[in-house]
All heavy atoms as atom14 arrays in JSON, in Angstrom:
{
  "sequence": "AQVYRPELRERVLGGLTMQQELRRLLLHDG",
  "atom14_mask": [
    [1, 1, 1, 1, 1, 0, 0, 0, 0, 0, 0, 0, 0, 0],
    [1, 1, 1, 1, 1, 1, 1, 1, 1, 0, 0, 0, 0, 0],
    [1, 1, 1, 1, 1, 1, 1, 0, 0, 0, 0, 0, 0, 0],
    [1, 1, 1, 1, 1, 1, 1, 1, 1, 1, 1, 1, 0, 0],
    [1, 1, 1, 1, 1, 1, 1, 1, 1, 1, 1, 0, 0, 0],
    [1, 1, 1, 1, 1, 1, 1, 0, 0, 0, 0, 0, 0, 0],
    [1, 1, 1, 1, 1, 1, 1, 1, 1, 0, 0, 0, 0, 0],
    [1, 1, 1, 1, 1, 1, 1, 1, 0, 0, 0, 0, 0, 0],
    [1, 1, 1, 1, 1, 1, 1, 1, 1, 1, 1, 0, 0, 0],
    [1, 1, 1, 1, 1, 1, 1, 1, 1, 0, 0, 0, 0, 0],
    [1, 1, 1, 1, 1, 1, 1, 1, 1, 1, 1, 0, 0, 0],
    [1, 1, 1, 1, 1, 1, 1, 0, 0, 0, 0, 0, 0, 0],
    [1, 1, 1, 1, 1, 1, 1, 1, 0, 0, 0, 0, 0, 0],
    [1, 1, 1, 1, 0, 0, 0, 0, 0, 0, 0, 0, 0, 0],
    [1, 1, 1, 1, 0, 0, 0, 0, 0, 0, 0, 0, 0, 0],
    [1, 1, 1, 1, 1, 1, 1, 1, 0, 0, 0, 0, 0, 0],
    [1, 1, 1, 1, 1, 1, 1, 0, 0, 0, 0, 0, 0, 0],
    [1, 1, 1, 1, 1, 1, 1, 1, 0, 0, 0, 0, 0, 0],
    [1, 1, 1, 1, 1, 1, 1, 1, 1, 0, 0, 0, 0, 0],
    [1, 1, 1, 1, 1, 1, 1, 1, 1, 0, 0, 0, 0, 0],
    [1, 1, 1, 1, 1, 1, 1, 1, 1, 0, 0, 0, 0, 0],
    [1, 1, 1, 1, 1, 1, 1, 1, 0, 0, 0, 0, 0, 0],
    [1, 1, 1, 1, 1, 1, 1, 1, 1, 1, 1, 0, 0, 0],
    [1, 1, 1, 1, 1, 1, 1, 1, 1, 1, 1, 0, 0, 0],
    [1, 1, 1, 1, 1, 1, 1, 1, 0, 0, 0, 0, 0, 0],
    [1, 1, 1, 1, 1, 1, 1, 1, 0, 0, 0, 0, 0, 0],
    [1, 1, 1, 1, 1, 1, 1, 1, 0, 0, 0, 0, 0, 0],
    [1, 1, 1, 1, 1, 1, 1, 1, 1, 1, 0, 0, 0, 0],
    [1, 1, 1, 1, 1, 1, 1, 1, 0, 0, 0, 0, 0, 0],
    [1, 1, 1, 1, 0, 0, 0, 0, 0, 0, 0, 0, 0, 0]
  ],
  "atom14_positions": [
    [[0.84, -1.19, 0.0], [0.0, 0.0, 0.0], [0.88, 1.24, 0.0], [1.96, 1.25, 0.59], [-0.93, 0.0, 1.21], [0.0, 0.0, 0.0], [0.0, 0.0, 0.0], [0.0, 0.0, 0.0], [0.0, 0.0, 0.0], [0.0, 0.0, 0.0], [0.0, 0.0, 0.0], [0.0, 0.0, 0.0], [0.0, 0.0, 0.0], [0.0, 0.0, 0.0]],
    [[0.42, 2.27, -0.68], [1.15, 3.52, -0.76], [0.18, 4.67, -0.47], [-0.87, 4.79, -1.1], [1.76, 3.7, -2.15], [2.47, 5.02, -2.37], [3.75, 5.11, -1.56], [4.66, 4.31, -1.71], [3.81, 6.1, -0.69], [0.0, 0.0, 0.0], [0.0, 0.0, 0.0], [0.0, 0.0, 0.0], [0.0, 0.0, 0.0], [0.0, 0.0, 0.0]],
    [[0.55, 5.5, 0.5], [-0.25, 6.67, 0.83], [0.19, 7.83, -0.08], [1.39, 8.03, -0.31], [-0.09, 7.05, 2.31], [-0.91, 8.29, 2.64], [-0.52, 5.88, 3.2], [0.0, 0.0, 0.0], [0.0, 0.0, 0.0], [0.0, 0.0, 0.0], [0.0, 0.0, 0.0], [0.0, 0.0, 0.0], [0.0, 0.0, 0.0], [0.0, 0.0, 0.0]],
    [[-0.77, 8.55, -0.58], [-0.48, 9.64, -1.52], [0.36, 10.73, -0.86], [0.1, 11.16, 0.26], [-1.77, 10.24, -2.06], [-1.53, 11.46, -2.9], [-1.07, 11.36, -4.2], [-1.74, 12.74, -2.37], [-0.83, 12.49, -4.97], [-1.5, 13.87, -3.14], [-1.05, 13.73, -4.43], [-0.79, 14.85, -5.18], [0.0, 0.0, 0.0], [0.0, 0.0, 0.0]],
    [[1.39, 11.16, -1.6], [2.18, 12.33, -1.25], [2.34, 13.17, -2.51], [2.41, 12.62, -3.63], [3.57, 11.93, -0.73], [3.55, 11.02, 0.48], [4.96, 10.88, 1.07], [5.93, 10.47, 0.06], [6.18, 9.2, -0.26], [5.52, 8.22, 0.36], [7.07, 8.9, -1.17], [0.0, 0.0, 0.0], [0.0, 0.0, 0.0], [0.0, 0.0, 0.0]],
    [[2.41, 14.47, -2.39], [2.49, 15.32, -3.59], [3.64, 14.95, -4.52], [3.51, 15.04, -5.74], [2.65, 16.73, -3.01], [2.0, 16.65, -1.67], [2.31, 15.28, -1.16], [0.0, 0.0, 0.0], [0.0, 0.0, 0.0], [0.0, 0.0, 0.0], [0.0, 0.0, 0.0], [0.0, 0.0, 0.0], [0.0, 0.0, 0.0], [0.0, 0.0, 0.0]],
    [[4.79, 14.52, -3.95], [5.94, 14.22, -4.8], [5.72, 12.97, -5.67], [6.44, 12.76, -6.65], [7.21, 14.05, -3.97], [7.12, 12.99, -2.88], [6.7, 13.57, -1.55], [6.03, 14.64, -1.56], [7.04, 12.99, -0.52], [0.0, 0.0, 0.0], [0.0, 0.0, 0.0], [0.0, 0.0, 0.0], [0.0, 0.0, 0.0], [0.0, 0.0, 0.0]],
    [[4.73, 12.14, -5.29], [4.45, 10.96, -6.1], [3.87, 11.34, -7.45], [4.05, 10.61, -8.43], [3.46, 10.03, -5.37], [3.95, 9.31, -4.12], [2.82, 8.5, -3.52], [5.13, 8.41, -4.45], [0.0, 0.0, 0.0], [0.0, 0.0, 0.0], [0.0, 0.0, 0.0], [0.0, 0.0, 0.0], [0.0, 0.0, 0.0], [0.0, 0.0, 0.0]],
    [[3.18, 12.45, -7.5], [2.51, 12.82, -8.74], [3.51, 12.97, -9.88], [3.31, 12.43, -10.98], [1.72, 14.13, -8.53], [0.95, 14.6, -9.75], [0.2, 15.9, -9.43], [-0.78, 15.68, -8.37], [-2.03, 15.26, -8.59], [-2.42, 15.01, -9.83], [-2.86, 15.1, -7.59], [0.0, 0.0, 0.0], [0.0, 0.0, 0.0], [0.0, 0.0, 0.0]],
    [[4.59, 13.69, -9.63], [5.58, 13.91, -10.68], [6.23, 12.6, -11.09], [6.44, 12.35, -12.28], [6.65, 14.89, -10.18], [7.69, 15.23, -11.25], [8.68, 16.27, -10.75], [8.47, 16.82, -9.65], [9.66, 16.52, -11.48], [0.0, 0.0, 0.0], [0.0, 0.0, 0.0], [0.0, 0.0, 0.0], [0.0, 0.0, 0.0], [0.0, 0.0, 0.0]],
    [[6.51, 11.72, -10.1], [7.17, 10.46, -10.43], [6.26, 9.54, -11.25], [6.67, 8.96, -12.25], [7.59, 9.75, -9.14], [8.47, 8.54, -9.38], [8.99, 8.0, -8.07], [7.96, 7.27, -7.34], [8.09, 6.84, -6.1], [9.19, 7.13, -5.42], [7.13, 6.17, -5.51], [0.0, 0.0, 0.0], [0.0, 0.0, 0.0], [0.0, 0.0, 0.0]],
    [[5.0, 9.43, -10.81], [4.08, 8.54, -11.5], [3.71, 9.09, -12.87], [3.72, 8.36, -13.87], [2.82, 8.32, -10.65], [1.75, 7.58, -11.46], [3.17, 7.51, -9.41], [0.0, 0.0, 0.0], [0.0, 0.0, 0.0], [0.0, 0.0, 0.0], [0.0, 0.0, 0.0], [0.0, 0.0, 0.0], [0.0, 0.0, 0.0], [0.0, 0.0, 0.0]],
    [[3.39, 10.38, -12.92], [3.04, 10.96, -14.21], [4.22, 10.93, -15.17], [4.05, 10.76, -16.38], [2.54, 12.39, -14.02], [1.22, 12.53, -13.24], [0.8, 13.98, -13.15], [0.13, 11.69, -13.89], [0.0, 0.0, 0.0], [0.0, 0.0, 0.0], [0.0, 0.0, 0.0], [0.0, 0.0, 0.0], [0.0, 0.0, 0.0], [0.0, 0.0, 0.0]],
    [[5.44, 11.06, -14.61], [6.62, 10.92, -15.46], [6.73, 9.52, -16.03], [7.1, 9.32, -17.2], [0.0, 0.0, 0.0], [0.0, 0.0, 0.0], [0.0, 0.0, 0.0], [0.0, 0.0, 0.0], [0.0, 0.0, 0.0], [0.0, 0.0, 0.0], [0.0, 0.0, 0.0], [0.0, 0.0, 0.0], [0.0, 0.0, 0.0], [0.0, 0.0, 0.0]],
    [[6.4, 8.51, -15.2], [6.41, 7.14, -15.7], [5.36, 6.91, -16.77], [5.62, 6.23, -17.77], [0.0, 0.0, 0.0], [0.0, 0.0, 0.0], [0.0, 0.0, 0.0], [0.0, 0.0, 0.0], [0.0, 0.0, 0.0], [0.0, 0.0, 0.0], [0.0, 0.0, 0.0], [0.0, 0.0, 0.0], [0.0, 0.0, 0.0], [0.0, 0.0, 0.0]],
    [[4.17, 7.49, -16.59], [3.14, 7.35, -17.61], [3.54, 8.04, -18.9], [3.27, 7.54, -20.0], [1.83, 7.94, -17.08], [1.19, 7.2, -15.9], [-0.06, 7.95, -15.43], [0.85, 5.76, -16.27], [0.0, 0.0, 0.0], [0.0, 0.0, 0.0], [0.0, 0.0, 0.0], [0.0, 0.0, 0.0], [0.0, 0.0, 0.0], [0.0, 0.0, 0.0]],
    [[4.2, 9.17, -18.77], [4.7, 9.86, -19.97], [5.73, 9.0, -20.69], [5.73, 8.9, -21.93], [5.32, 11.21, -19.58], [4.34, 12.01, -18.94], [5.87, 11.93, -20.8], [0.0, 0.0, 0.0], [0.0, 0.0, 0.0], [0.0, 0.0, 0.0], [0.0, 0.0, 0.0], [0.0, 0.0, 0.0], [0.0, 0.0, 0.0], [0.0, 0.0, 0.0]],
    [[6.59, 8.34, -19.9], [7.6, 7.48, -20.51], [6.94, 6.29, -21.22], [7.4, 5.87, -22.3], [8.57, 6.99, -19.42], [9.76, 6.23, -19.96], [11.03, 5.93, -18.69], [11.72, 7.59, -18.52], [0.0, 0.0, 0.0], [0.0, 0.0, 0.0], [0.0, 0.0, 0.0], [0.0, 0.0, 0.0], [0.0, 0.0, 0.0], [0.0, 0.0, 0.0]],
    [[5.87, 5.76, -20.65], [5.16, 4.67, -21.31], [4.58, 5.12, -22.64], [4.65, 4.4, -23.65], [4.05, 4.14, -20.4], [4.54, 3.41, -19.16], [3.39, 2.92, -18.3], [2.26, 2.78, -18.77], [3.67, 2.66, -17.02], [0.0, 0.0, 0.0], [0.0, 0.0, 0.0], [0.0, 0.0, 0.0], [0.0, 0.0, 0.0], [0.0, 0.0, 0.0]],
    [[4.02, 6.31, -22.66], [3.48, 6.84, -23.92], [4.57, 7.04, -24.96], [4.38, 6.74, -26.15], [2.74, 8.15, -23.64], [1.5, 7.99, -22.76], [0.9, 9.32, -22.36], [1.44, 10.38, -22.68], [-0.22, 9.28, -21.65], [0.0, 0.0, 0.0], [0.0, 0.0, 0.0], [0.0, 0.0, 0.0], [0.0, 0.0, 0.0], [0.0, 0.0, 0.0]],
    [[5.73, 7.52, -24.52], [6.83, 7.73, -25.46], [7.35, 6.39, -25.98], [7.68, 6.27, -27.18], [7.95, 8.5, -24.77], [7.59, 9.95, -24.45], [8.65, 10.65, -23.62], [9.46, 9.96, -22.96], [8.7, 11.89, -23.64], [0.0, 0.0, 0.0], [0.0, 0.0, 0.0], [0.0, 0.0, 0.0], [0.0, 0.0, 0.0], [0.0, 0.0, 0.0]],
    [[7.42, 5.39, -25.11], [7.84, 4.06, -25.56], [6.86, 3.49, -26.58], [7.26, 2.86, -27.58], [7.96, 3.11, -24.37], [9.27, 3.14, -23.59], [9.14, 2.33, -22.31], [10.41, 2.6, -24.45], [0.0, 0.0, 0.0], [0.0, 0.0, 0.0], [0.0, 0.0, 0.0], [0.0, 0.0, 0.0], [0.0, 0.0, 0.0], [0.0, 0.0, 0.0]],
    [[5.58, 3.69, -26.32], [4.58, 3.18, -27.25], [4.75, 3.85, -28.62], [4.71, 3.17, -29.66], [3.18, 3.44, -26.69], [2.05, 2.91, -27.6], [0.68, 3.04, -26.94], [0.53, 2.04, -25.89], [0.57, 2.3, -24.6], [0.79, 3.55, -24.18], [0.41, 1.35, -23.7], [0.0, 0.0, 0.0], [0.0, 0.0, 0.0], [0.0, 0.0, 0.0]],
    [[4.92, 5.15, -28.65], [5.12, 5.85, -29.92], [6.4, 5.4, -30.59], [6.46, 5.23, -31.82], [5.16, 7.36, -29.68], [3.83, 7.95, -29.2], [3.97, 9.44, -28.94], [4.35, 10.15, -30.15], [4.78, 11.4, -30.17], [4.89, 12.08, -29.02], [5.1, 11.98, -31.31], [0.0, 0.0, 0.0], [0.0, 0.0, 0.0], [0.0, 0.0, 0.0]],
    [[7.44, 5.15, -29.78], [8.73, 4.74, -30.33], [8.64, 3.37, -30.98], [9.11, 3.15, -32.11], [9.77, 4.75, -29.22], [11.19, 4.27, -29.57], [11.77, 5.13, -30.69], [12.08, 4.33, -28.34], [0.0, 0.0, 0.0], [0.0, 0.0, 0.0], [0.0, 0.0, 0.0], [0.0, 0.0, 0.0], [0.0, 0.0, 0.0], [0.0, 0.0, 0.0]],
    [[8.01, 2.41, -30.28], [7.94, 1.04, -30.79], [6.92, 0.88, -31.91], [7.02, -0.05, -32.71], [7.62, 0.08, -29.65], [8.74, -0.07, -28.61], [8.26, -0.84, -27.39], [9.95, -0.78, -29.22], [0.0, 0.0, 0.0], [0.0, 0.0, 0.0], [0.0, 0.0, 0.0], [0.0, 0.0, 0.0], [0.0, 0.0, 0.0], [0.0, 0.0, 0.0]],
    [[5.95, 1.77, -31.93], [4.96, 1.73, -33.01], [5.34, 2.65, -34.16], [4.54, 2.84, -35.09], [3.58, 2.12, -32.46], [2.98, 1.19, -31.41], [1.63, 1.71, -30.94], [2.83, -0.23, -31.97], [0.0, 0.0, 0.0], [0.0, 0.0, 0.0], [0.0, 0.0, 0.0], [0.0, 0.0, 0.0], [0.0, 0.0, 0.0], [0.0, 0.0, 0.0]],
    [[6.54, 3.24, -34.09], [7.05, 4.13, -35.14], [6.1, 5.3, -35.37], [5.8, 5.69, -36.51], [7.27, 3.36, -36.44], [8.11, 2.13, -36.28], [9.45, 2.18, -36.0], [7.77, 0.8, -36.32], [9.92, 0.94, -35.89], [8.93, 0.1, -36.07], [0.0, 0.0, 0.0], [0.0, 0.0, 0.0], [0.0, 0.0, 0.0], [0.0, 0.0, 0.0]],
    [[5.61, 5.85, -34.24], [4.64, 6.94, -34.32], [5.25, 8.23, -33.75], [4.61, 8.97, -33.01], [3.37, 6.57, -33.55], [2.27, 7.62, -33.73], [2.29, 8.3, -34.76], [1.43, 7.74, -32.83], [0.0, 0.0, 0.0], [0.0, 0.0, 0.0], [0.0, 0.0, 0.0], [0.0, 0.0, 0.0], [0.0, 0.0, 0.0], [0.0, 0.0, 0.0]],
    [[6.5, 8.47, -34.07], [7.15, 9.67, -33.57], [8.56, 9.78, -34.11], [9.21, 8.77, -34.42], [0.0, 0.0, 0.0], [0.0, 0.0, 0.0], [0.0, 0.0, 0.0], [0.0, 0.0, 0.0], [0.0, 0.0, 0.0], [0.0, 0.0, 0.0], [0.0, 0.0, 0.0], [0.0, 0.0, 0.0], [0.0, 0.0, 0.0], [0.0, 0.0, 0.0]]
  ]
}
């Protein structure tokens, strides 16, 4: 379990951004 802290937002959203970039990279969409 993880309790929300403001600093988690940047880390998690950064990870989601990285997933989107990987998807575009592997699908040759960027």
